[in-house]
């Protein structure tokens, strides 16, 4: 590559140095503060419940949607736009 076109920005020396520093910092944070990280796991699981509730109700209309027809309950079909 010429001096006019040094290459893609993601291969610059400064970015590689920053990525290396962040990887080393992440390693030490995870090894030295493992007890603190494990202490947050129950709260992360509790946080996952409302997030799953929001994302899982997307396909079938969510709460307060129109009631399913008899045929939909038997076949397990979702929402129909007919």
PDB file of N, CA and C in Angstrom:
ATOM      1  N   UNK A   1       0.837  -1.178   0.000  1.00  0.00           N
ATOM      2  CA  UNK A   1       0.000   0.000   0.000  1.00  0.00           C
ATOM      3  C   UNK A   1       0.874   1.231   0.000  1.00  0.00           C
ATOM      4  N   UNK A   2       0.378   2.250  -0.650  1.00  0.00           N
ATOM      5  CA  UNK A   2       1.168   3.464  -0.760  1.00  0.00           C
ATOM      6  C   UNK A   2       0.937   4.364   0.451  1.00  0.00           C
ATOM      7  N   UNK A   3       1.696   5.451   0.515  1.00  0.00           N
ATOM      8  CA  UNK A   3       1.569   6.394   1.622  1.00  0.00           C
ATOM      9  C   UNK A   3       0.248   7.141   1.560  1.00  0.00           C
ATOM     10  N   UNK A   4      -0.333   7.275   0.344  1.00  0.00           N
ATOM     11  CA  UNK A   4      -1.615   7.963   0.206  1.00  0.00           C
ATOM     12  C   UNK A   4      -2.762   7.121   0.767  1.00  0.00           C
ATOM     13  N   UNK A   5      -2.649   5.819   0.658  1.00  0.00           N
ATOM     14  CA  UNK A   5      -3.689   4.907   1.133  1.00  0.00           C
ATOM     15  C   UNK A   5      -3.073   3.936   2.139  1.00  0.00           C
ATOM     16  N   UNK A   6      -3.051   4.319   3.424  1.00  0.00           N
ATOM     17  CA  UNK A   6      -2.366   3.487   4.413  1.00  0.00           C
ATOM     18  C   UNK A   6      -3.078   2.179   4.720  1.00  0.00           C
ATOM     19  N   UNK A   7      -4.298   2.015   4.327  1.00  0.00           N
ATOM     20  CA  UNK A   7      -5.025   0.782   4.587  1.00  0.00           C
ATOM     21  C   UNK A   7      -6.290   1.045   5.378  1.00  0.00           C
ATOM     22  N   UNK A   8      -6.999   0.017   5.655  1.00  0.00           N
ATOM     23  CA  UNK A   8      -8.246   0.199   6.386  1.00  0.00           C
ATOM     24  C   UNK A   8      -7.998   0.708   7.808  1.00  0.00           C
ATOM     25  N   UNK A   9      -8.942   1.465   8.340  1.00  0.00           N
ATOM     26  CA  UNK A   9      -8.770   2.090   9.651  1.00  0.00           C
ATOM     27  C   UNK A   9      -8.714   1.061  10.772  1.00  0.00           C
ATOM     28  N   UNK A  10      -9.316  -0.110  10.582  1.00  0.00           N
ATOM     29  CA  UNK A  10      -9.329  -1.094  11.661  1.00  0.00           C
ATOM     30  C   UNK A  10      -7.998  -1.799  11.833  1.00  0.00           C
ATOM     31  N   UNK A  11      -7.048  -1.560  10.943  1.00  0.00           N
ATOM     32  CA  UNK A  11      -5.717  -2.143  11.114  1.00  0.00           C
ATOM     33  C   UNK A  11      -4.694  -1.091  11.533  1.00  0.00           C
ATOM     34  N   UNK A  12      -5.146   0.071  11.981  1.00  0.00           N
ATOM     35  CA  UNK A  12      -4.199   1.095  12.402  1.00  0.00           C
ATOM     36  C   UNK A  12      -3.520   0.652  13.706  1.00  0.00           C
ATOM     37  N   UNK A  13      -2.318   1.124  13.920  1.00  0.00           N
ATOM     38  CA  UNK A  13      -1.553   0.716  15.107  1.00  0.00           C
ATOM     39  C   UNK A  13      -2.222   1.173  16.392  1.00  0.00           C
ATOM     40  N   UNK A  14      -2.762   2.381  16.376  1.00  0.00           N
ATOM     41  CA  UNK A  14      -3.386   2.895  17.612  1.00  0.00           C
ATOM     42  C   UNK A  14      -4.611   2.079  17.996  1.00  0.00           C
ATOM     43  N   UNK A  15      -5.405   1.650  17.028  1.00  0.00           N
ATOM     44  CA  UNK A  15      -6.583   0.835  17.350  1.00  0.00           C
ATOM     45  C   UNK A  15      -6.171  -0.530  17.877  1.00  0.00           C
ATOM     46  N   UNK A  16      -5.139  -1.119  17.304  1.00  0.00           N
ATOM     47  CA  UNK A  16      -4.664  -2.417  17.794  1.00  0.00           C
ATOM     48  C   UNK A  16      -4.134  -2.303  19.223  1.00  0.00           C
ATOM     49  N   UNK A  17      -3.461  -1.194  19.537  1.00  0.00           N
ATOM     50  CA  UNK A  17      -2.967  -0.982  20.903  1.00  0.00           C
ATOM     51  C   UNK A  17      -4.141  -0.827  21.874  1.00  0.00           C
ATOM     52  N   UNK A  18      -5.149  -0.064  21.470  1.00  0.00           N
ATOM     53  CA  UNK A  18      -6.324   0.120  22.324  1.00  0.00           C
ATOM     54  C   UNK A  18      -7.046  -1.205  22.540  1.00  0.00           C
ATOM     55  N   UNK A  19      -7.213  -2.005  21.492  1.00  0.00           N
ATOM     56  CA  UNK A  19      -7.870  -3.307  21.629  1.00  0.00           C
ATOM     57  C   UNK A  19      -7.073  -4.241  22.535  1.00  0.00           C
ATOM     58  N   UNK A  20      -5.758  -4.218  22.421  1.00  0.00           N
ATOM     59  CA  UNK A  20      -4.927  -5.029  23.303  1.00  0.00           C
ATOM     60  C   UNK A  20      -5.053  -4.596  24.753  1.00  0.00           C
ATOM     61  N   UNK A  21      -5.052  -3.290  24.993  1.00  0.00           N
ATOM     62  CA  UNK A  21      -5.224  -2.778  26.345  1.00  0.00           C
ATOM     63  C   UNK A  21      -6.575  -3.173  26.917  1.00  0.00           C
ATOM     64  N   UNK A  22      -7.640  -3.059  26.112  1.00  0.00           N
ATOM     65  CA  UNK A  22      -8.980  -3.433  26.579  1.00  0.00           C
ATOM     66  C   UNK A  22      -9.082  -4.934  26.879  1.00  0.00           C
ATOM     67  N   UNK A  23      -8.418  -5.755  26.078  1.00  0.00           N
ATOM     68  CA  UNK A  23      -8.441  -7.198  26.332  1.00  0.00           C
ATOM     69  C   UNK A  23      -7.728  -7.527  27.640  1.00  0.00           C
ATOM     70  N   UNK A  24      -6.602  -6.906  27.883  1.00  0.00           N
ATOM     71  CA  UNK A  24      -5.867  -7.132  29.138  1.00  0.00           C
ATOM     72  C   UNK A  24      -6.676  -6.623  30.320  1.00  0.00           C
ATOM     73  N   UNK A  25      -7.273  -5.449  30.192  1.00  0.00           N
ATOM     74  CA  UNK A  25      -8.091  -4.889  31.271  1.00  0.00           C
ATOM     75  C   UNK A  25      -9.288  -5.788  31.561  1.00  0.00           C
ATOM     76  N   UNK A  26      -9.944  -6.296  30.524  1.00  0.00           N
ATOM     77  CA  UNK A  26     -11.093  -7.188  30.720  1.00  0.00           C
ATOM     78  C   UNK A  26     -10.668  -8.464  31.434  1.00  0.00           C
ATOM     79  N   UNK A  27      -9.505  -8.999  31.084  1.00  0.00           N
ATOM     80  CA  UNK A  27      -9.018 -10.202  31.744  1.00  0.00           C
ATOM     81  C   UNK A  27      -8.822  -9.961  33.238  1.00  0.00           C
ATOM     82  N   UNK A  28      -8.174  -8.857  33.606  1.00  0.00           N
ATOM     83  CA  UNK A  28      -7.918  -8.593  35.018  1.00  0.00           C
ATOM     84  C   UNK A  28      -9.196  -8.249  35.777  1.00  0.00           C
ATOM     85  N   UNK A  29     -10.107  -7.548  35.144  1.00  0.00           N
ATOM     86  CA  UNK A  29     -11.380  -7.262  35.810  1.00  0.00           C
ATOM     87  C   UNK A  29     -12.128  -8.559  36.080  1.00  0.00           C
ATOM     88  N   UNK A  30     -12.135  -9.470  35.113  1.00  0.00           N
ATOM     89  CA  UNK A  30     -12.864 -10.727  35.297  1.00  0.00           C
ATOM     90  C   UNK A  30     -12.193 -11.620  36.335  1.00  0.00           C
ATOM     91  N   UNK A  31     -10.877 -11.632  36.402  1.00  0.00           N
ATOM     92  CA  UNK A  31     -10.216 -12.511  37.366  1.00  0.00           C
ATOM     93  C   UNK A  31     -10.228 -11.936  38.775  1.00  0.00           C
ATOM     94  N   UNK A  32     -10.045 -10.624  38.904  1.00  0.00           N
ATOM     95  CA  UNK A  32      -9.956 -10.016  40.236  1.00  0.00           C
ATOM     96  C   UNK A  32     -11.322  -9.723  40.850  1.00  0.00           C
ATOM     97  N   UNK A  33     -12.323  -9.549  40.040  1.00  0.00           N
ATOM     98  CA  UNK A  33     -13.635  -9.160  40.549  1.00  0.00           C
ATOM     99  C   UNK A  33     -14.695 -10.208  40.227  1.00  0.00           C
ATOM    100  N   UNK A  34     -14.304 -11.458  40.168  1.00  0.00           N
ATOM    101  CA  UNK A  34     -15.222 -12.533  39.821  1.00  0.00           C
ATOM    102  C   UNK A  34     -16.376 -12.633  40.815  1.00  0.00           C
ATOM    103  N   UNK A  35     -16.121 -12.444  42.103  1.00  0.00           N
ATOM    104  CA  UNK A  35     -17.188 -12.528  43.101  1.00  0.00           C
ATOM    105  C   UNK A  35     -18.232 -11.439  42.878  1.00  0.00           C
ATOM    106  N   UNK A  36     -17.783 -10.260  42.491  1.00  0.00           N
ATOM    107  CA  UNK A  36     -18.732  -9.181  42.219  1.00  0.00           C
ATOM    108  C   UNK A  36     -19.559  -9.490  40.972  1.00  0.00           C
ATOM    109  N   UNK A  37     -18.922 -10.057  39.972  1.00  0.00           N
ATOM    110  CA  UNK A  37     -19.648 -10.389  38.756  1.00  0.00           C
ATOM    111  C   UNK A  37     -20.666 -11.486  39.009  1.00  0.00           C
ATOM    112  N   UNK A  38     -20.285 -12.505  39.779  1.00  0.00           N
ATOM    113  CA  UNK A  38     -21.219 -13.585  40.091  1.00  0.00           C
ATOM    114  C   UNK A  38     -22.360 -13.099  40.979  1.00  0.00           C
ATOM    115  N   UNK A  39     -22.129 -12.082  41.774  1.00  0.00           N
ATOM    116  CA  UNK A  39     -23.185 -11.534  42.605  1.00  0.00           C
ATOM    117  C   UNK A  39     -24.266 -10.841  41.802  1.00  0.00           C
ATOM    118  N   UNK A  40     -23.953 -10.422  40.586  1.00  0.00           N
ATOM    119  CA  UNK A  40     -24.927  -9.738  39.741  1.00  0.00           C
ATOM    120  C   UNK A  40     -25.789 -10.697  38.933  1.00  0.00           C
ATOM    121  N   UNK A  41     -25.455 -11.977  38.909  1.00  0.00           N
ATOM    122  CA  UNK A  41     -26.177 -12.940  38.087  1.00  0.00           C
ATOM    123  C   UNK A  41     -27.659 -13.024  38.455  1.00  0.00           C
ATOM    124  N   UNK A  42     -28.049 -13.111  39.748  1.00  0.00           N
ATOM    125  CA  UNK A  42     -29.490 -13.165  40.040  1.00  0.00           C
ATOM    126  C   UNK A  42     -30.247 -11.932  39.537  1.00  0.00           C
ATOM    127  N   UNK A  43     -29.624 -10.769  39.627  1.00  0.00           N
ATOM    128  CA  UNK A  43     -30.282  -9.560  39.147  1.00  0.00           C
ATOM    129  C   UNK A  43     -30.400  -9.559  37.630  1.00  0.00           C
ATOM    130  N   UNK A  44     -29.419 -10.124  36.945  1.00  0.00           N
ATOM    131  CA  UNK A  44     -29.499 -10.220  35.491  1.00  0.00           C
ATOM    132  C   UNK A  44     -30.607 -11.168  35.067  1.00  0.00           C
ATOM    133  N   UNK A  45     -30.796 -12.252  35.828  1.00  0.00           N
ATOM    134  CA  UNK A  45     -31.905 -13.162  35.525  1.00  0.00           C
ATOM    135  C   UNK A  45     -33.250 -12.480  35.741  1.00  0.00           C
ATOM    136  N   UNK A  46     -33.364 -11.705  36.811  1.00  0.00           N
ATOM    137  CA  UNK A  46     -34.608 -10.971  37.039  1.00  0.00           C
ATOM    138  C   UNK A  46     -34.839  -9.919  35.958  1.00  0.00           C
ATOM    139  N   UNK A  47     -33.796  -9.317  35.475  1.00  0.00           N
ATOM    140  CA  UNK A  47     -33.924  -8.348  34.391  1.00  0.00           C
ATOM    141  C   UNK A  47     -34.329  -9.034  33.089  1.00  0.00           C
ATOM    142  N   UNK A  48     -33.919 -10.276  32.911  1.00  0.00           N
ATOM    143  CA  UNK A  48     -34.252 -10.999  31.687  1.00  0.00           C
ATOM    144  C   UNK A  48     -35.740 -11.318  31.602  1.00  0.00           C
ATOM    145  N   UNK A  49     -36.424 -11.443  32.731  1.00  0.00           N
ATOM    146  CA  UNK A  49     -37.846 -11.799  32.709  1.00  0.00           C
ATOM    147  C   UNK A  49     -38.691 -10.757  31.968  1.00  0.00           C
ATOM    148  N   UNK A  50     -38.637  -9.466  32.327  1.00  0.00           N
ATOM    149  CA  UNK A  50     -39.456  -8.516  31.567  1.00  0.00           C
ATOM    150  C   UNK A  50     -39.000  -8.360  30.115  1.00  0.00           C
ATOM    151  N   UNK A  51     -37.705  -8.510  29.868  1.00  0.00           N
ATOM    152  CA  UNK A  51     -37.240  -8.420  28.485  1.00  0.00           C
ATOM    153  C   UNK A  51     -37.785  -9.573  27.649  1.00  0.00           C
ATOM    154  N   UNK A  52     -37.767 -10.780  28.202  1.00  0.00           N
ATOM    155  CA  UNK A  52     -38.332 -11.921  27.487  1.00  0.00           C
ATOM    156  C   UNK A  52     -39.833 -11.730  27.291  1.00  0.00           C
ATOM    157  N   UNK A  53     -40.512 -11.182  28.299  1.00  0.00           N
ATOM    158  CA  UNK A  53     -41.941 -10.939  28.191  1.00  0.00           C
ATOM    159  C   UNK A  53     -42.239  -9.983  27.036  1.00  0.00           C
ATOM    160  N   UNK A  54     -41.444  -8.930  26.905  1.00  0.00           N
ATOM    161  CA  UNK A  54     -41.665  -7.972  25.825  1.00  0.00           C
ATOM    162  C   UNK A  54     -41.405  -8.589  24.453  1.00  0.00           C
ATOM    163  N   UNK A  55     -40.319  -9.322  24.328  1.00  0.00           N
ATOM    164  CA  UNK A  55     -39.948  -9.851  23.024  1.00  0.00           C
ATOM    165  C   UNK A  55     -40.720 -11.110  22.645  1.00  0.00           C
ATOM    166  N   UNK A  56     -41.171 -11.884  23.615  1.00  0.00           N
ATOM    167  CA  UNK A  56     -41.861 -13.129  23.302  1.00  0.00           C
ATOM    168  C   UNK A  56     -43.318 -12.894  22.908  1.00  0.00           C
ATOM    169  N   UNK A  57     -43.918 -11.775  23.286  1.00  0.00           N
ATOM    170  CA  UNK A  57     -45.314 -11.511  22.956  1.00  0.00           C
ATOM    171  C   UNK A  57     -45.468 -10.818  21.611  1.00  0.00           C
ATOM    172  N   UNK A  58     -44.416 -10.695  20.875  1.00  0.00           N
ATOM    173  CA  UNK A  58     -44.469  -9.981  19.608  1.00  0.00           C
ATOM    174  C   UNK A  58     -45.308 -10.719  18.569  1.00  0.00           C
ATOM    175  N   UNK A  59     -45.212 -12.029  18.470  1.00  0.00           N
ATOM    176  CA  UNK A  59     -45.812 -12.764  17.363  1.00  0.00           C
ATOM    177  C   UNK A  59     -47.304 -13.018  17.515  1.00  0.00           C
ATOM    178  N   UNK A  60     -47.824 -13.101  18.726  1.00  0.00           N
ATOM    179  CA  UNK A  60     -49.228 -13.477  18.842  1.00  0.00           C
ATOM    180  C   UNK A  60     -50.117 -12.358  19.349  1.00  0.00           C
ATOM    181  N   UNK A  61     -49.718 -11.129  19.244  1.00  0.00           N
ATOM    182  CA  UNK A  61     -50.581 -10.020  19.562  1.00  0.00           C
ATOM    183  C   UNK A  61     -50.453  -9.513  20.978  1.00  0.00           C
ATOM    184  N   UNK A  62     -49.808 -10.223  21.852  1.00  0.00           N
ATOM    185  CA  UNK A  62     -49.594  -9.755  23.211  1.00  0.00           C
ATOM    186  C   UNK A  62     -50.854  -9.764  24.041  1.00  0.00           C
ATOM    187  N   UNK A  63     -50.839  -9.048  25.133  1.00  0.00           N
ATOM    188  CA  UNK A  63     -51.990  -8.968  26.018  1.00  0.00           C
ATOM    189  C   UNK A  63     -53.024  -8.026  25.417  1.00  0.00           C
ATOM    190  N   UNK A  64     -54.276  -8.360  25.588  1.00  0.00           N
ATOM    191  CA  UNK A  64     -55.338  -7.492  25.103  1.00  0.00           C
ATOM    192  C   UNK A  64     -55.587  -7.607  23.612  1.00  0.00           C
ATOM    193  N   UNK A  65     -55.004  -8.569  22.963  1.00  0.00           N
ATOM    194  CA  UNK A  65     -55.255  -8.778  21.543  1.00  0.00           C
ATOM    195  C   UNK A  65     -56.617  -9.405  21.343  1.00  0.00           C
ATOM    196  N   UNK A  66     -57.021  -9.570  20.097  1.00  0.00           N
ATOM    197  CA  UNK A  66     -58.335 -10.173  19.857  1.00  0.00           C
ATOM    198  C   UNK A  66     -58.287 -11.645  20.231  1.00  0.00           C
ATOM    199  N   UNK A  67     -59.406 -12.182  20.718  1.00  0.00           N
ATOM    200  CA  UNK A  67     -59.408 -13.586  21.143  1.00  0.00           C
ATOM    201  C   UNK A  67     -59.196 -14.521  19.954  1.00  0.00           C
ATOM    202  N   UNK A  68     -58.598 -15.657  20.256  1.00  0.00           N
ATOM    203  CA  UNK A  68     -58.347 -16.639  19.210  1.00  0.00           C
ATOM    204  C   UNK A  68     -59.641 -17.348  18.849  1.00  0.00           C
ATOM    205  N   UNK A  69     -59.726 -17.765  17.600  1.00  0.00           N
ATOM    206  CA  UNK A  69     -60.889 -18.542  17.164  1.00  0.00           C
ATOM    207  C   UNK A  69     -60.717 -19.979  17.591  1.00  0.00           C
ATOM    208  N   UNK A  70     -61.793 -20.735  17.545  1.00  0.00           N
ATOM    209  CA  UNK A  70     -61.773 -22.143  17.967  1.00  0.00           C
ATOM    210  C   UNK A  70     -60.758 -22.945  17.156  1.00  0.00           C
ATOM    211  N   UNK A  71     -60.687 -22.732  15.864  1.00  0.00           N
ATOM    212  CA  UNK A  71     -59.756 -23.465  15.008  1.00  0.00           C
ATOM    213  C   UNK A  71     -58.308 -23.143  15.334  1.00  0.00           C
ATOM    214  N   UNK A  72     -58.046 -21.889  15.746  1.00  0.00           N
ATOM    215  CA  UNK A  72     -56.682 -21.510  16.083  1.00  0.00           C
ATOM    216  C   UNK A  72     -56.200 -22.230  17.335  1.00  0.00           C
ATOM    217  N   UNK A  73     -57.085 -22.414  18.313  1.00  0.00           N
ATOM    218  CA  UNK A  73     -56.679 -23.082  19.543  1.00  0.00           C
ATOM    219  C   UNK A  73     -56.387 -24.559  19.292  1.00  0.00           C
ATOM    220  N   UNK A  74     -57.172 -25.184  18.422  1.00  0.00           N
ATOM    221  CA  UNK A  74     -56.959 -26.609  18.176  1.00  0.00           C
ATOM    222  C   UNK A  74     -55.665 -26.858  17.407  1.00  0.00           C
ATOM    223  N   UNK A  75     -55.390 -26.050  16.404  1.00  0.00           N
ATOM    224  CA  UNK A  75     -54.220 -26.293  15.564  1.00  0.00           C
ATOM    225  C   UNK A  75     -52.974 -25.619  16.107  1.00  0.00           C
ATOM    226  N   UNK A  76     -53.137 -24.718  17.099  1.00  0.00           N
ATOM    227  CA  UNK A  76     -51.990 -24.043  17.629  1.00  0.00           C
ATOM    228  C   UNK A  76     -51.515 -22.904  16.767  1.00  0.00           C
ATOM    229  N   UNK A  77     -52.366 -22.473  15.817  1.00  0.00           N
ATOM    230  CA  UNK A  77     -51.980 -21.394  14.912  1.00  0.00           C
ATOM    231  C   UNK A  77     -51.913 -20.063  15.629  1.00  0.00           C
ATOM    232  N   UNK A  78     -51.140 -19.192  15.103  1.00  0.00           N
ATOM    233  CA  UNK A  78     -50.973 -17.859  15.698  1.00  0.00           C
ATOM    234  C   UNK A  78     -51.973 -16.885  15.136  1.00  0.00           C
ATOM    235  N   UNK A  79     -51.595 -15.644  15.066  1.00  0.00           N
ATOM    236  CA  UNK A  79     -52.471 -14.586  14.589  1.00  0.00           C
ATOM    237  C   UNK A  79     -52.623 -14.681  13.085  1.00  0.00           C
ATOM    238  N   UNK A  80     -53.870 -14.546  12.613  1.00  0.00           N
ATOM    239  CA  UNK A  80     -54.145 -14.576  11.178  1.00  0.00           C
ATOM    240  C   UNK A  80     -54.735 -13.242  10.776  1.00  0.00           C
ATOM    241  N   UNK A  81     -54.350 -12.732   9.618  1.00  0.00           N
ATOM    242  CA  UNK A  81     -54.839 -11.444   9.135  1.00  0.00           C
ATOM    243  C   UNK A  81     -55.909 -11.622   8.081  1.00  0.00           C
ATOM    244  N   UNK A  82     -56.897 -12.454   8.327  1.00  0.00           N
ATOM    245  CA  UNK A  82     -57.982 -12.641   7.356  1.00  0.00           C
ATOM    246  C   UNK A  82     -59.218 -11.967   7.812  1.00  0.00           C
TER     247      UNK A  82
END
